[in-house]
Amino acid sequence: MSISALKDYIEENKQVWHSPFHGINHWDNVWMNGQEIGWAVDADMEVVEYFSYLHDCQRWSEGSDWLHGPRAAQFAHENRELFDLSSSQFKDLIGAVAGHTKLQPGCKAGENPTIAACWDADRLDIWRVGYAVDPRYLFTERAKDLADLMPDGRYMTMDEIFEMRGLA
């Protein structure tokens, strides 16, 4: 199995796929952010990619739904065959997914570069629901650097950031 098997399953079985706030467009943004952060912190990129497409798949609403992370972790356990990951990779994925809604910098899980990259990749996309990215809630220096490049909390593609900074 591969990431495409998970994405196909979610698209076919979960309404959230089409959500304007928590669906495929957000998940693609999380994966894009995850690549930028993950390579910088030597994260396990397979776990980061699976996280990107799994973390919100069990949302029941667009508003506050604090248990969607643990539900997504339970979904992963119940559908283990969709994840082409080793046992240790799967453990990191479950930790990242289950904890992404509540845990803050300073927690032990955030010391794991893979889990930190997952959480930061999601948090850098918070602009889509009307919040500015707050670096105090980020775990990695790379994500904090990226947040500083987002004027007034507005999302910018990496190409726009590089162009703005004269790096393109």
N, C-alpha and C. Protein backbone atom coordinates (compact mmCIF):
# COMPACT_ATOMS: atom_id res chain seq x y z
N MET A 1 0.84 -1.19 0.00
CA MET A 1 0.00 0.00 0.00
C MET A 1 0.89 1.25 0.00
N SER A 2 0.28 2.34 -0.40
CA SER A 2 1.01 3.60 -0.45
C SER A 2 0.08 4.72 0.02
N ILE A 3 0.60 5.91 0.04
CA ILE A 3 -0.20 7.07 0.43
C ILE A 3 -1.43 7.20 -0.47
N SER A 4 -1.31 6.79 -1.72
CA SER A 4 -2.46 6.90 -2.63
C SER A 4 -3.61 6.01 -2.17
N ALA A 5 -3.33 4.87 -1.56
CA ALA A 5 -4.39 4.01 -1.05
C ALA A 5 -5.17 4.72 0.07
N LEU A 6 -4.46 5.39 0.95
CA LEU A 6 -5.13 6.15 2.02
C LEU A 6 -5.96 7.27 1.42
N LYS A 7 -5.38 8.03 0.52
CA LYS A 7 -6.11 9.14 -0.09
C LYS A 7 -7.35 8.65 -0.85
N ASP A 8 -7.21 7.56 -1.57
CA ASP A 8 -8.36 7.01 -2.30
C ASP A 8 -9.46 6.60 -1.32
N TYR A 9 -9.08 5.95 -0.24
CA TYR A 9 -10.08 5.51 0.75
C TYR A 9 -10.81 6.72 1.35
N ILE A 10 -10.06 7.73 1.73
CA ILE A 10 -10.68 8.91 2.34
C ILE A 10 -11.60 9.61 1.33
N GLU A 11 -11.13 9.76 0.10
CA GLU A 11 -11.95 10.43 -0.90
C GLU A 11 -13.28 9.69 -1.12
N GLU A 12 -13.21 8.38 -1.13
CA GLU A 12 -14.41 7.58 -1.38
C GLU A 12 -15.34 7.46 -0.18
N ASN A 13 -14.82 7.63 1.05
CA ASN A 13 -15.59 7.31 2.24
C ASN A 13 -15.80 8.44 3.24
N LYS A 14 -15.15 9.57 3.06
CA LYS A 14 -15.23 10.63 4.06
C LYS A 14 -15.65 11.95 3.42
N GLN A 15 -16.73 12.52 3.92
CA GLN A 15 -17.22 13.80 3.41
C GLN A 15 -16.21 14.93 3.59
N VAL A 16 -15.38 14.83 4.63
CA VAL A 16 -14.44 15.91 4.93
C VAL A 16 -13.47 16.16 3.77
N TRP A 17 -13.30 15.20 2.88
CA TRP A 17 -12.43 15.37 1.72
C TRP A 17 -12.74 16.68 0.99
N HIS A 18 -14.03 17.02 0.90
CA HIS A 18 -14.48 18.19 0.14
C HIS A 18 -14.58 19.46 0.99
N SER A 19 -14.23 19.38 2.25
CA SER A 19 -14.32 20.54 3.14
C SER A 19 -13.42 21.67 2.65
N PRO A 20 -13.94 22.91 2.63
CA PRO A 20 -13.09 24.03 2.22
C PRO A 20 -12.04 24.40 3.28
N PHE A 21 -12.24 23.95 4.52
CA PHE A 21 -11.31 24.29 5.59
C PHE A 21 -10.44 23.13 6.06
N HIS A 22 -10.97 21.93 6.02
CA HIS A 22 -10.25 20.79 6.59
C HIS A 22 -10.13 19.62 5.62
N GLY A 23 -10.27 19.87 4.32
CA GLY A 23 -10.23 18.81 3.33
C GLY A 23 -8.94 18.77 2.53
N ILE A 24 -9.04 18.26 1.33
CA ILE A 24 -7.87 17.96 0.51
C ILE A 24 -6.99 19.17 0.24
N ASN A 25 -7.56 20.35 0.05
CA ASN A 25 -6.71 21.53 -0.19
C ASN A 25 -5.84 21.83 1.02
N HIS A 26 -6.44 21.74 2.22
CA HIS A 26 -5.66 21.93 3.45
C HIS A 26 -4.60 20.85 3.56
N TRP A 27 -4.96 19.61 3.30
CA TRP A 27 -4.00 18.51 3.44
C TRP A 27 -2.84 18.66 2.48
N ASP A 28 -3.12 19.13 1.26
CA ASP A 28 -2.02 19.39 0.32
C ASP A 28 -1.11 20.50 0.84
N ASN A 29 -1.70 21.54 1.45
CA ASN A 29 -0.88 22.60 2.04
C ASN A 29 -0.03 22.08 3.20
N VAL A 30 -0.62 21.22 4.03
CA VAL A 30 0.14 20.64 5.15
C VAL A 30 1.31 19.82 4.60
N TRP A 31 1.09 19.06 3.55
CA TRP A 31 2.18 18.28 2.96
C TRP A 31 3.26 19.21 2.39
N MET A 32 2.86 20.29 1.73
CA MET A 32 3.84 21.25 1.21
C MET A 32 4.66 21.85 2.37
N ASN A 33 3.97 22.28 3.42
CA ASN A 33 4.67 22.82 4.60
C ASN A 33 5.55 21.75 5.23
N GLY A 34 5.01 20.54 5.30
CA GLY A 34 5.76 19.44 5.91
C GLY A 34 7.05 19.14 5.19
N GLN A 35 7.06 19.26 3.89
CA GLN A 35 8.30 19.05 3.14
C GLN A 35 9.32 20.13 3.47
N GLU A 36 8.86 21.36 3.51
CA GLU A 36 9.76 22.48 3.82
C GLU A 36 10.37 22.33 5.22
N ILE A 37 9.55 21.96 6.18
CA ILE A 37 10.02 21.82 7.56
C ILE A 37 10.75 20.50 7.75
N GLY A 38 10.15 19.43 7.25
CA GLY A 38 10.69 18.10 7.49
C GLY A 38 12.11 17.90 7.02
N TRP A 39 12.42 18.39 5.83
CA TRP A 39 13.79 18.25 5.34
C TRP A 39 14.76 19.03 6.21
N ALA A 40 14.31 20.16 6.75
CA ALA A 40 15.19 21.00 7.58
C ALA A 40 15.50 20.38 8.93
N VAL A 41 14.60 19.53 9.44
CA VAL A 41 14.80 18.96 10.78
C VAL A 41 15.09 17.47 10.74
N ASP A 42 15.30 16.93 9.55
CA ASP A 42 15.60 15.50 9.36
C ASP A 42 14.46 14.62 9.87
N ALA A 43 13.24 15.00 9.53
CA ALA A 43 12.06 14.22 9.90
C ALA A 43 11.91 13.03 8.98
N ASP A 44 11.13 12.06 9.41
CA ASP A 44 10.78 10.93 8.57
C ASP A 44 9.69 11.40 7.61
N MET A 45 10.04 11.60 6.36
CA MET A 45 9.12 12.23 5.41
C MET A 45 7.94 11.33 5.05
N GLU A 46 8.09 10.03 5.17
CA GLU A 46 6.93 9.16 4.94
C GLU A 46 5.87 9.40 5.99
N VAL A 47 6.28 9.53 7.24
CA VAL A 47 5.33 9.80 8.32
C VAL A 47 4.69 11.17 8.13
N VAL A 48 5.48 12.16 7.77
CA VAL A 48 4.95 13.51 7.55
C VAL A 48 3.91 13.50 6.44
N GLU A 49 4.17 12.77 5.37
CA GLU A 49 3.19 12.72 4.28
C GLU A 49 1.90 12.03 4.73
N TYR A 50 2.00 10.90 5.39
CA TYR A 50 0.79 10.24 5.88
C TYR A 50 0.03 11.14 6.85
N PHE A 51 0.74 11.81 7.74
CA PHE A 51 0.08 12.74 8.67
C PHE A 51 -0.73 13.78 7.91
N SER A 52 -0.14 14.33 6.88
CA SER A 52 -0.77 15.41 6.13
C SER A 52 -2.17 15.04 5.65
N TYR A 53 -2.34 13.80 5.25
CA TYR A 53 -3.61 13.37 4.68
C TYR A 53 -4.51 12.63 5.68
N LEU A 54 -3.97 12.30 6.83
CA LEU A 54 -4.75 11.56 7.83
C LEU A 54 -5.31 12.46 8.94
N HIS A 55 -4.59 13.49 9.33
CA HIS A 55 -4.84 14.16 10.60
C HIS A 55 -6.24 14.73 10.78
N ASP A 56 -6.90 15.18 9.73
CA ASP A 56 -8.25 15.75 9.85
C ASP A 56 -9.34 14.86 9.25
N CYS A 57 -9.02 13.65 8.88
CA CYS A 57 -9.99 12.82 8.14
C CYS A 57 -11.17 12.37 8.99
N GLN A 58 -11.09 12.54 10.31
CA GLN A 58 -12.19 12.12 11.18
C GLN A 58 -12.89 13.32 11.83
N ARG A 59 -12.81 14.47 11.20
CA ARG A 59 -13.54 15.63 11.70
C ARG A 59 -15.03 15.43 11.51
N TRP A 60 -15.79 15.83 12.52
CA TRP A 60 -17.25 15.76 12.44
C TRP A 60 -17.85 17.13 12.20
N SER A 61 -17.04 18.19 12.33
CA SER A 61 -17.55 19.54 12.09
C SER A 61 -16.41 20.45 11.67
N GLU A 62 -16.76 21.61 11.14
CA GLU A 62 -15.75 22.60 10.74
C GLU A 62 -15.28 23.42 11.95
N GLY A 63 -16.07 23.45 13.00
CA GLY A 63 -15.72 24.22 14.20
C GLY A 63 -14.88 23.40 15.16
N SER A 64 -15.03 23.70 16.42
CA SER A 64 -14.28 22.98 17.46
C SER A 64 -14.66 21.50 17.46
N ASP A 65 -13.67 20.68 17.32
CA ASP A 65 -13.85 19.23 17.33
C ASP A 65 -12.55 18.65 17.90
N TRP A 66 -12.37 18.79 19.19
CA TRP A 66 -11.11 18.47 19.84
C TRP A 66 -10.75 16.99 19.80
N LEU A 67 -11.71 16.15 19.48
CA LEU A 67 -11.42 14.71 19.47
C LEU A 67 -11.14 14.15 18.08
N HIS A 68 -11.07 15.02 17.08
CA HIS A 68 -10.84 14.49 15.74
C HIS A 68 -9.46 13.86 15.60
N GLY A 69 -8.47 14.35 16.31
CA GLY A 69 -7.13 13.75 16.25
C GLY A 69 -7.12 12.33 16.81
N PRO A 70 -7.63 12.13 18.04
CA PRO A 70 -7.72 10.76 18.56
C PRO A 70 -8.59 9.84 17.69
N ARG A 71 -9.67 10.38 17.11
CA ARG A 71 -10.49 9.55 16.22
C ARG A 71 -9.71 9.15 14.97
N ALA A 72 -8.91 10.07 14.43
CA ALA A 72 -8.09 9.74 13.27
C ALA A 72 -7.04 8.68 13.62
N ALA A 73 -6.48 8.76 14.82
CA ALA A 73 -5.52 7.73 15.26
C ALA A 73 -6.22 6.38 15.37
N GLN A 74 -7.44 6.36 15.89
CA GLN A 74 -8.20 5.12 15.98
C GLN A 74 -8.51 4.57 14.59
N PHE A 75 -8.89 5.47 13.68
CA PHE A 75 -9.12 5.08 12.28
C PHE A 75 -7.87 4.40 11.71
N ALA A 76 -6.70 4.97 11.98
CA ALA A 76 -5.45 4.39 11.47
C ALA A 76 -5.23 2.99 12.03
N HIS A 77 -5.47 2.82 13.33
CA HIS A 77 -5.33 1.48 13.93
C HIS A 77 -6.28 0.49 13.28
N GLU A 78 -7.50 0.90 13.03
CA GLU A 78 -8.51 0.02 12.46
C GLU A 78 -8.27 -0.28 10.97
N ASN A 79 -7.47 0.55 10.33
CA ASN A 79 -7.19 0.40 8.89
C ASN A 79 -5.69 0.33 8.64
N ARG A 80 -4.98 -0.40 9.47
CA ARG A 80 -3.52 -0.47 9.42
C ARG A 80 -3.01 -0.84 8.03
N GLU A 81 -3.80 -1.62 7.30
CA GLU A 81 -3.37 -2.07 5.97
C GLU A 81 -3.21 -0.92 4.97
N LEU A 82 -3.75 0.25 5.29
CA LEU A 82 -3.63 1.41 4.40
C LEU A 82 -2.30 2.14 4.56
N PHE A 83 -1.49 1.71 5.53
CA PHE A 83 -0.27 2.45 5.88
C PHE A 83 0.96 1.58 5.65
N ASP A 84 1.75 1.97 4.67
CA ASP A 84 2.96 1.24 4.35
C ASP A 84 4.11 1.82 5.19
N LEU A 85 4.03 1.56 6.49
CA LEU A 85 5.01 2.09 7.45
C LEU A 85 5.47 0.98 8.37
N SER A 86 6.69 1.10 8.86
CA SER A 86 7.19 0.16 9.87
C SER A 86 6.44 0.40 11.18
N SER A 87 6.63 -0.47 12.14
CA SER A 87 5.98 -0.31 13.45
C SER A 87 6.38 0.99 14.11
N SER A 88 7.66 1.34 14.06
CA SER A 88 8.11 2.57 14.71
C SER A 88 7.59 3.80 13.97
N GLN A 89 7.54 3.75 12.66
CA GLN A 89 6.97 4.86 11.89
C GLN A 89 5.48 5.03 12.22
N PHE A 90 4.77 3.91 12.29
CA PHE A 90 3.34 3.95 12.58
C PHE A 90 3.10 4.53 13.98
N LYS A 91 3.96 4.17 14.92
CA LYS A 91 3.85 4.72 16.29
C LYS A 91 4.02 6.24 16.27
N ASP A 92 4.98 6.74 15.51
CA ASP A 92 5.16 8.20 15.39
C ASP A 92 3.95 8.85 14.74
N LEU A 93 3.42 8.20 13.70
CA LEU A 93 2.23 8.73 13.03
C LEU A 93 1.06 8.83 14.00
N ILE A 94 0.83 7.79 14.76
CA ILE A 94 -0.28 7.78 15.72
C ILE A 94 -0.09 8.89 16.75
N GLY A 95 1.13 9.04 17.25
CA GLY A 95 1.41 10.11 18.22
C GLY A 95 1.17 11.49 17.64
N ALA A 96 1.59 11.69 16.40
CA ALA A 96 1.42 12.99 15.75
C ALA A 96 -0.06 13.29 15.51
N VAL A 97 -0.79 12.31 15.02
CA VAL A 97 -2.20 12.52 14.69
C VAL A 97 -3.02 12.72 15.97
N ALA A 98 -2.82 11.85 16.95
CA ALA A 98 -3.61 11.92 18.18
C ALA A 98 -3.37 13.22 18.94
N GLY A 99 -2.14 13.74 18.91
CA GLY A 99 -1.80 14.91 19.70
C GLY A 99 -1.88 16.24 19.00
N HIS A 100 -2.19 16.26 17.72
CA HIS A 100 -2.03 17.51 16.97
C HIS A 100 -3.02 18.60 17.36
N THR A 101 -4.10 18.28 18.02
CA THR A 101 -5.10 19.30 18.35
C THR A 101 -4.82 20.02 19.65
N LYS A 102 -4.06 19.42 20.55
CA LYS A 102 -3.93 19.98 21.90
C LYS A 102 -2.50 20.29 22.35
N LEU A 103 -1.53 19.51 21.94
CA LEU A 103 -0.21 19.62 22.55
C LEU A 103 0.51 20.89 22.10
N GLN A 104 1.26 21.44 23.03
CA GLN A 104 1.93 22.71 22.85
C GLN A 104 3.44 22.55 22.99
N PRO A 105 4.21 23.53 22.52
CA PRO A 105 5.67 23.47 22.73
C PRO A 105 5.99 23.25 24.20
N GLY A 106 7.01 22.43 24.42
CA GLY A 106 7.41 22.07 25.77
C GLY A 106 7.01 20.65 26.12
N CYS A 107 6.12 20.05 25.35
CA CYS A 107 5.73 18.67 25.63
C CYS A 107 6.79 17.72 25.08
N LYS A 108 6.89 16.55 25.69
CA LYS A 108 7.92 15.58 25.30
C LYS A 108 7.77 15.14 23.84
N ALA A 109 6.55 14.92 23.38
CA ALA A 109 6.36 14.47 22.00
C ALA A 109 6.93 15.46 21.00
N GLY A 110 6.87 16.75 21.32
CA GLY A 110 7.38 17.77 20.42
C GLY A 110 8.88 17.75 20.24
N GLU A 111 9.58 16.96 21.05
CA GLU A 111 11.03 16.82 20.91
C GLU A 111 11.39 15.86 19.78
N ASN A 112 10.43 15.10 19.31
CA ASN A 112 10.62 14.20 18.18
C ASN A 112 10.52 15.05 16.90
N PRO A 113 11.59 15.12 16.09
CA PRO A 113 11.55 16.01 14.92
C PRO A 113 10.46 15.67 13.92
N THR A 114 10.10 14.40 13.81
CA THR A 114 9.04 14.02 12.88
C THR A 114 7.69 14.52 13.36
N ILE A 115 7.40 14.30 14.63
CA ILE A 115 6.13 14.77 15.19
C ILE A 115 6.08 16.29 15.17
N ALA A 116 7.17 16.94 15.53
CA ALA A 116 7.22 18.41 15.51
C ALA A 116 6.98 18.94 14.10
N ALA A 117 7.57 18.31 13.10
CA ALA A 117 7.37 18.75 11.71
C ALA A 117 5.90 18.59 11.31
N CYS A 118 5.27 17.51 11.73
CA CYS A 118 3.85 17.30 11.42
C CYS A 118 3.01 18.41 12.04
N TRP A 119 3.20 18.66 13.30
CA TRP A 119 2.38 19.66 13.99
C TRP A 119 2.61 21.06 13.41
N ASP A 120 3.85 21.40 13.15
CA ASP A 120 4.14 22.71 12.59
C ASP A 120 3.59 22.86 11.17
N ALA A 121 3.65 21.80 10.39
CA ALA A 121 3.11 21.86 9.02
C ALA A 121 1.62 22.19 9.04
N ASP A 122 0.90 21.60 9.97
CA ASP A 122 -0.53 21.89 10.12
C ASP A 122 -0.74 23.31 10.65
N ARG A 123 0.00 23.69 11.65
CA ARG A 123 -0.20 25.00 12.28
C ARG A 123 0.17 26.16 11.34
N LEU A 124 1.08 25.94 10.42
CA LEU A 124 1.41 27.00 9.46
C LEU A 124 0.26 27.27 8.49
N ASP A 125 -0.71 26.38 8.46
CA ASP A 125 -1.85 26.56 7.56
C ASP A 125 -3.09 27.08 8.29
N ILE A 126 -2.92 27.58 9.50
CA ILE A 126 -4.05 28.05 10.32
C ILE A 126 -4.70 29.31 9.74
N TRP A 127 -3.99 30.01 8.89
CA TRP A 127 -4.52 31.22 8.26
C TRP A 127 -5.84 30.95 7.55
N ARG A 128 -6.04 29.73 7.08
CA ARG A 128 -7.22 29.42 6.26
C ARG A 128 -8.52 29.54 7.05
N VAL A 129 -8.45 29.50 8.38
CA VAL A 129 -9.65 29.66 9.20
C VAL A 129 -9.66 31.00 9.93
N GLY A 130 -8.84 31.94 9.44
CA GLY A 130 -8.90 33.30 9.93
C GLY A 130 -7.96 33.66 11.06
N TYR A 131 -7.00 32.81 11.37
CA TYR A 131 -6.04 33.10 12.43
C TYR A 131 -4.66 33.36 11.83
N ALA A 132 -3.92 34.26 12.45
CA ALA A 132 -2.53 34.45 12.07
C ALA A 132 -1.70 33.33 12.69
N VAL A 133 -0.62 32.97 12.05
CA VAL A 133 0.29 31.96 12.59
C VAL A 133 1.03 32.60 13.76
N ASP A 134 0.96 31.97 14.92
CA ASP A 134 1.63 32.47 16.12
C ASP A 134 2.85 31.60 16.40
N PRO A 135 4.06 32.15 16.24
CA PRO A 135 5.27 31.35 16.43
C PRO A 135 5.40 30.72 17.82
N ARG A 136 4.69 31.24 18.80
CA ARG A 136 4.76 30.64 20.14
C ARG A 136 4.18 29.22 20.17
N TYR A 137 3.38 28.88 19.16
CA TYR A 137 2.78 27.55 19.11
C TYR A 137 3.47 26.62 18.13
N LEU A 138 4.63 27.03 17.67
CA LEU A 138 5.41 26.21 16.74
C LEU A 138 6.57 25.55 17.47
N PHE A 139 6.99 24.42 16.97
CA PHE A 139 8.02 23.61 17.63
C PHE A 139 9.40 23.77 17.01
N THR A 140 9.46 23.99 15.71
CA THR A 140 10.75 23.99 15.01
C THR A 140 11.17 25.42 14.63
N GLU A 141 12.46 25.62 14.57
CA GLU A 141 12.97 26.92 14.15
C GLU A 141 12.61 27.21 12.70
N ARG A 142 12.60 26.17 11.87
CA ARG A 142 12.26 26.37 10.45
C ARG A 142 10.84 26.88 10.31
N ALA A 143 9.91 26.32 11.06
CA ALA A 143 8.52 26.79 10.99
C ALA A 143 8.41 28.21 11.52
N LYS A 144 9.15 28.54 12.55
CA LYS A 144 9.13 29.91 13.09
C LYS A 144 9.67 30.88 12.05
N ASP A 145 10.72 30.47 11.35
CA ASP A 145 11.25 31.32 10.27
C ASP A 145 10.21 31.53 9.18
N LEU A 146 9.52 30.47 8.81
CA LEU A 146 8.49 30.59 7.78
C LEU A 146 7.34 31.47 8.25
N ALA A 147 6.96 31.34 9.51
CA ALA A 147 5.87 32.17 10.06
C ALA A 147 6.26 33.64 10.02
N ASP A 148 7.51 33.93 10.28
CA ASP A 148 7.97 35.33 10.24
C ASP A 148 7.90 35.92 8.84
N LEU A 149 7.91 35.08 7.83
CA LEU A 149 7.87 35.55 6.45
C LEU A 149 6.44 35.80 5.95
N MET A 150 5.46 35.47 6.77
CA MET A 150 4.05 35.63 6.38
C MET A 150 3.53 36.95 6.93
N PRO A 151 3.54 38.00 6.12
CA PRO A 151 3.10 39.30 6.61
C PRO A 151 1.64 39.27 7.05
N ASP A 152 1.39 39.79 8.24
CA ASP A 152 0.03 39.89 8.78
C ASP A 152 -0.69 38.55 8.81
N GLY A 153 0.05 37.46 8.90
CA GLY A 153 -0.56 36.15 8.97
C GLY A 153 -1.11 35.64 7.66
N ARG A 154 -0.95 36.39 6.59
CA ARG A 154 -1.46 35.95 5.29
C ARG A 154 -0.60 34.82 4.75
N TYR A 155 -1.25 33.82 4.24
CA TYR A 155 -0.52 32.70 3.66
C TYR A 155 0.14 33.12 2.36
N MET A 156 1.35 32.66 2.18
CA MET A 156 2.07 32.89 0.94
C MET A 156 2.68 31.57 0.51
N THR A 157 2.70 31.32 -0.77
CA THR A 157 3.40 30.14 -1.25
C THR A 157 4.90 30.35 -1.06
N MET A 158 5.64 29.26 -1.09
CA MET A 158 7.09 29.38 -0.95
C MET A 158 7.66 30.23 -2.08
N ASP A 159 7.11 30.11 -3.28
CA ASP A 159 7.59 30.93 -4.40
C ASP A 159 7.38 32.41 -4.10
N GLU A 160 6.21 32.77 -3.54
CA GLU A 160 5.94 34.17 -3.20
C GLU A 160 6.89 34.67 -2.11
N ILE A 161 7.14 33.82 -1.12
CA ILE A 161 8.06 34.20 -0.04
C ILE A 161 9.46 34.44 -0.62
N PHE A 162 9.94 33.51 -1.44
CA PHE A 162 11.27 33.67 -2.02
C PHE A 162 11.33 34.92 -2.90
N GLU A 163 10.29 35.15 -3.68
CA GLU A 163 10.26 36.35 -4.53
C GLU A 163 10.28 37.62 -3.70
N MET A 164 9.46 37.65 -2.64
CA MET A 164 9.40 38.81 -1.76
C MET A 164 10.76 39.11 -1.13
N ARG A 165 11.49 38.04 -0.79
CA ARG A 165 12.79 38.18 -0.12
C ARG A 165 13.95 38.30 -1.10
N GLY A 166 13.63 38.32 -2.40
CA GLY A 166 14.68 38.44 -3.41
C GLY A 166 15.50 37.19 -3.59
N LEU A 167 14.91 36.03 -3.26
CA LEU A 167 15.64 34.78 -3.35
C LEU A 167 15.23 33.95 -4.56
N ALA A 168 14.27 34.46 -5.33
CA ALA A 168 13.77 33.68 -6.48
C ALA A 168 14.70 33.76 -7.65
